[in-house]
Amino acid sequence: MKRLHSLVGGLAAGVLLLQPLTALALDGADVERAAPDRVTISWRGDDPVDVYVSNRPDASIAAARLLTRADVRGVFIVERMGPARPYFILKDQRDGSLVRVAERLLPLERGSNFRDVGGYPAAEANTSAGD
């Protein structure tokens, strides 16, 4: 009986160790600017992938727009849609896992005050320099 418990415990531990491998079925997702008006989404995985786009990083699948369904090529090129930063959701069709990805480099034509990019407030306008 003791041996059976050891065997069951070992199997359970093995299943737990394998769990992260199934979570990584969709791996290596990346977004890069291919041209001023085009981004390339790439990923690694064997399963078909649905690619969605949204203008919000926390958008649900229901709120995002489907770009391609069951893509197995591992790469998808998107023409840039307006000035808003696109956020992409990749959905593995086999296990339903989601990966969110966006372009990591922000193109700046001018960046004299980097706080402008992140929306950080500057000092109060009515504060004098001598304070």
C-alpha atoms as a PDB file:
ATOM      1  CA  MET A   1       0.000   0.000   0.000  1.00  0.00           C
ATOM      2  CA  LYS A   2       2.876   2.320   0.863  1.00  0.00           C
ATOM      3  CA  ARG A   3       4.380   1.632  -2.532  1.00  0.00           C
ATOM      4  CA  LEU A   4       1.084   2.528  -4.266  1.00  0.00           C
ATOM      5  CA  HIS A   5       0.973   5.890  -2.464  1.00  0.00           C
ATOM      6  CA  SER A   6       4.558   6.588  -3.552  1.00  0.00           C
ATOM      7  CA  LEU A   7       3.670   5.749  -7.141  1.00  0.00           C
ATOM      8  CA  VAL A   8       0.543   7.928  -7.105  1.00  0.00           C
ATOM      9  CA  GLY A   9       2.468  10.776  -5.460  1.00  0.00           C
ATOM     10  CA  GLY A  10       5.215  10.487  -8.056  1.00  0.00           C
ATOM     11  CA  LEU A  11       2.718  10.576 -10.907  1.00  0.00           C
ATOM     12  CA  ALA A  12       0.982  13.609  -9.421  1.00  0.00           C
ATOM     13  CA  ALA A  13       4.321  15.414  -9.075  1.00  0.00           C
ATOM     14  CA  GLY A  14       5.150  14.524 -12.683  1.00  0.00           C
ATOM     15  CA  VAL A  15       1.864  15.976 -13.883  1.00  0.00           C
ATOM     16  CA  LEU A  16       2.542  19.183 -11.956  1.00  0.00           C
ATOM     17  CA  LEU A  17       6.008  19.433 -13.478  1.00  0.00           C
ATOM     18  CA  LEU A  18       4.609  18.995 -16.977  1.00  0.00           C
ATOM     19  CA  GLN A  19       1.906  21.623 -16.439  1.00  0.00           C
ATOM     20  CA  PRO A  20       4.160  24.597 -17.319  1.00  0.00           C
ATOM     21  CA  LEU A  21       5.094  22.913 -20.598  1.00  0.00           C
ATOM     22  CA  THR A  22       1.513  22.981 -21.801  1.00  0.00           C
ATOM     23  CA  ALA A  23       1.230  26.627 -20.771  1.00  0.00           C
ATOM     24  CA  LEU A  24       4.148  27.380 -23.095  1.00  0.00           C
ATOM     25  CA  ALA A  25       2.465  25.916 -26.178  1.00  0.00           C
ATOM     26  CA  LEU A  26       2.510  29.462 -27.625  1.00  0.00           C
ATOM     27  CA  ASP A  27       5.955  30.938 -27.023  1.00  0.00           C
ATOM     28  CA  GLY A  28       8.307  33.666 -28.150  1.00  0.00           C
ATOM     29  CA  ALA A  29       5.661  36.175 -29.232  1.00  0.00           C
ATOM     30  CA  ASP A  30       7.108  39.467 -30.468  1.00  0.00           C
ATOM     31  CA  VAL A  31       6.039  42.576 -32.367  1.00  0.00           C
ATOM     32  CA  GLU A  32       8.502  44.560 -34.477  1.00  0.00           C
ATOM     33  CA  ARG A  33       8.111  47.568 -36.745  1.00  0.00           C
ATOM     34  CA  ALA A  34       8.791  46.394 -40.296  1.00  0.00           C
ATOM     35  CA  ALA A  35       8.186  49.832 -41.857  1.00  0.00           C
ATOM     36  CA  PRO A  36       6.747  53.154 -40.639  1.00  0.00           C
ATOM     37  CA  ASP A  37       3.220  51.913 -41.393  1.00  0.00           C
ATOM     38  CA  ARG A  38       3.630  48.171 -40.761  1.00  0.00           C
ATOM     39  CA  VAL A  39       4.268  45.856 -37.801  1.00  0.00           C
ATOM     40  CA  THR A  40       5.174  42.179 -37.855  1.00  0.00           C
ATOM     41  CA  ILE A  41       3.813  39.820 -35.198  1.00  0.00           C
ATOM     42  CA  SER A  42       5.742  36.587 -34.766  1.00  0.00           C
ATOM     43  CA  TRP A  43       5.459  33.589 -32.437  1.00  0.00           C
ATOM     44  CA  ARG A  44       6.617  30.024 -31.987  1.00  0.00           C
ATOM     45  CA  GLY A  45       4.290  27.104 -31.530  1.00  0.00           C
ATOM     46  CA  ASP A  46       2.859  24.105 -33.320  1.00  0.00           C
ATOM     47  CA  ASP A  47      -0.817  24.918 -32.873  1.00  0.00           C
ATOM     48  CA  PRO A  48      -3.051  27.174 -34.973  1.00  0.00           C
ATOM     49  CA  VAL A  49      -3.248  30.693 -33.544  1.00  0.00           C
ATOM     50  CA  ASP A  50      -5.940  33.370 -33.703  1.00  0.00           C
ATOM     51  CA  VAL A  51      -4.529  36.919 -33.774  1.00  0.00           C
ATOM     52  CA  TYR A  52      -6.590  39.800 -32.357  1.00  0.00           C
ATOM     53  CA  VAL A  53      -5.845  43.535 -32.123  1.00  0.00           C
ATOM     54  CA  SER A  54      -7.056  46.213 -29.735  1.00  0.00           C
ATOM     55  CA  ASN A  55      -6.115  49.753 -28.776  1.00  0.00           C
ATOM     56  CA  ARG A  56      -6.113  48.756 -25.073  1.00  0.00           C
ATOM     57  CA  PRO A  57      -3.548  46.504 -23.391  1.00  0.00           C
ATOM     58  CA  ASP A  58      -6.176  44.940 -21.102  1.00  0.00           C
ATOM     59  CA  ALA A  59      -8.867  44.336 -23.732  1.00  0.00           C
ATOM     60  CA  SER A  60     -10.826  41.109 -23.658  1.00  0.00           C
ATOM     61  CA  ILE A  61     -11.116  38.855 -26.695  1.00  0.00           C
ATOM     62  CA  ALA A  62     -14.708  40.039 -27.114  1.00  0.00           C
ATOM     63  CA  ALA A  63     -13.567  43.670 -27.298  1.00  0.00           C
ATOM     64  CA  ALA A  64     -10.667  42.980 -29.684  1.00  0.00           C
ATOM     65  CA  ARG A  65     -10.874  42.661 -33.462  1.00  0.00           C
ATOM     66  CA  LEU A  66      -9.930  39.345 -35.104  1.00  0.00           C
ATOM     67  CA  LEU A  67      -7.149  39.748 -37.680  1.00  0.00           C
ATOM     68  CA  THR A  68      -6.532  36.130 -38.655  1.00  0.00           C
ATOM     69  CA  ARG A  69      -7.905  32.755 -37.568  1.00  0.00           C
ATOM     70  CA  ALA A  70      -6.022  29.446 -37.260  1.00  0.00           C
ATOM     71  CA  ASP A  71      -2.721  30.886 -38.495  1.00  0.00           C
ATOM     72  CA  VAL A  72       0.067  28.289 -38.427  1.00  0.00           C
ATOM     73  CA  ARG A  73       2.790  30.282 -40.191  1.00  0.00           C
ATOM     74  CA  GLY A  74       4.119  31.923 -37.022  1.00  0.00           C
ATOM     75  CA  VAL A  75       4.178  35.383 -38.539  1.00  0.00           C
ATOM     76  CA  PHE A  76       1.525  37.947 -39.433  1.00  0.00           C
ATOM     77  CA  ILE A  77       2.054  41.424 -40.934  1.00  0.00           C
ATOM     78  CA  VAL A  78      -0.342  44.238 -40.056  1.00  0.00           C
ATOM     79  CA  GLU A  79      -0.647  47.614 -41.717  1.00  0.00           C
ATOM     80  CA  ARG A  80      -0.539  50.214 -38.949  1.00  0.00           C
ATOM     81  CA  MET A  81      -4.016  51.510 -38.131  1.00  0.00           C
ATOM     82  CA  GLY A  82      -3.864  55.165 -37.114  1.00  0.00           C
ATOM     83  CA  PRO A  83      -1.866  56.818 -34.375  1.00  0.00           C
ATOM     84  CA  ALA A  84      -3.020  54.580 -31.490  1.00  0.00           C
ATOM     85  CA  ARG A  85      -0.579  51.926 -30.274  1.00  0.00           C
ATOM     86  CA  PRO A  86      -1.865  48.462 -31.259  1.00  0.00           C
ATOM     87  CA  TYR A  87      -1.955  45.673 -28.684  1.00  0.00           C
ATOM     88  CA  PHE A  88      -2.199  42.097 -29.908  1.00  0.00           C
ATOM     89  CA  ILE A  89      -3.718  39.004 -28.336  1.00  0.00           C
ATOM     90  CA  LEU A  90      -2.598  35.601 -29.593  1.00  0.00           C
ATOM     91  CA  LYS A  91      -4.922  32.722 -28.768  1.00  0.00           C
ATOM     92  CA  ASP A  92      -3.698  29.148 -29.055  1.00  0.00           C
ATOM     93  CA  GLN A  93      -6.609  27.215 -30.595  1.00  0.00           C
ATOM     94  CA  ARG A  94      -5.632  23.903 -28.995  1.00  0.00           C
ATOM     95  CA  ASP A  95      -5.422  24.891 -25.348  1.00  0.00           C
ATOM     96  CA  GLY A  96      -7.053  28.337 -25.389  1.00  0.00           C
ATOM     97  CA  SER A  97      -4.036  30.039 -23.786  1.00  0.00           C
ATOM     98  CA  LEU A  98      -3.609  33.755 -24.441  1.00  0.00           C
ATOM     99  CA  VAL A  99      -0.456  35.785 -24.972  1.00  0.00           C
ATOM    100  CA  ARG A 100      -0.597  39.580 -25.044  1.00  0.00           C
ATOM    101  CA  VAL A 101       2.113  41.418 -26.916  1.00  0.00           C
ATOM    102  CA  ALA A 102       2.813  44.908 -28.236  1.00  0.00           C
ATOM    103  CA  GLU A 103       5.631  46.735 -29.929  1.00  0.00           C
ATOM    104  CA  ARG A 104       8.296  47.426 -27.311  1.00  0.00           C
ATOM    105  CA  LEU A 105      10.092  50.250 -29.121  1.00  0.00           C
ATOM    106  CA  LEU A 106       8.105  53.430 -29.499  1.00  0.00           C
ATOM    107  CA  PRO A 107       9.046  55.508 -32.533  1.00  0.00           C
ATOM    108  CA  LEU A 108       9.635  59.128 -31.548  1.00  0.00           C
ATOM    109  CA  GLU A 109      10.093  61.897 -34.075  1.00  0.00           C
ATOM    110  CA  ARG A 110      10.750  64.369 -31.272  1.00  0.00           C
ATOM    111  CA  GLY A 111      11.249  63.659 -27.623  1.00  0.00           C
ATOM    112  CA  SER A 112      12.384  66.762 -25.817  1.00  0.00           C
ATOM    113  CA  ASN A 113      10.518  65.809 -22.622  1.00  0.00           C
ATOM    114  CA  PHE A 114      10.251  62.062 -22.093  1.00  0.00           C
ATOM    115  CA  ARG A 115       7.460  62.548 -19.519  1.00  0.00           C
ATOM    116  CA  ASP A 116       5.233  63.417 -22.499  1.00  0.00           C
ATOM    117  CA  VAL A 117       5.357  59.754 -23.588  1.00  0.00           C
ATOM    118  CA  GLY A 118       4.311  58.270 -20.261  1.00  0.00           C
ATOM    119  CA  GLY A 119       1.855  60.958 -19.208  1.00  0.00           C
ATOM    120  CA  TYR A 120       3.805  61.880 -16.072  1.00  0.00           C
ATOM    121  CA  PRO A 121       2.837  65.303 -14.744  1.00  0.00           C
ATOM    122  CA  ALA A 122       5.465  68.023 -14.650  1.00  0.00           C
ATOM    123  CA  ALA A 123       5.935  70.527 -11.819  1.00  0.00           C
ATOM    124  CA  GLU A 124       3.069  72.906 -11.130  1.00  0.00           C
ATOM    125  CA  ALA A 125       2.898  75.770 -13.626  1.00  0.00           C
ATOM    126  CA  ASN A 126       2.558  78.374 -10.859  1.00  0.00           C
ATOM    127  CA  THR A 127       5.691  77.261  -8.971  1.00  0.00           C
ATOM    128  CA  SER A 128       8.573  79.712  -9.365  1.00  0.00           C
ATOM    129  CA  ALA A 129      12.145  78.563  -9.977  1.00  0.00           C
ATOM    130  CA  GLY A 130      13.359  80.130  -6.719  1.00  0.00           C
ATOM    131  CA  ASP A 131      11.127  77.973  -4.445  1.00  0.00           C
END
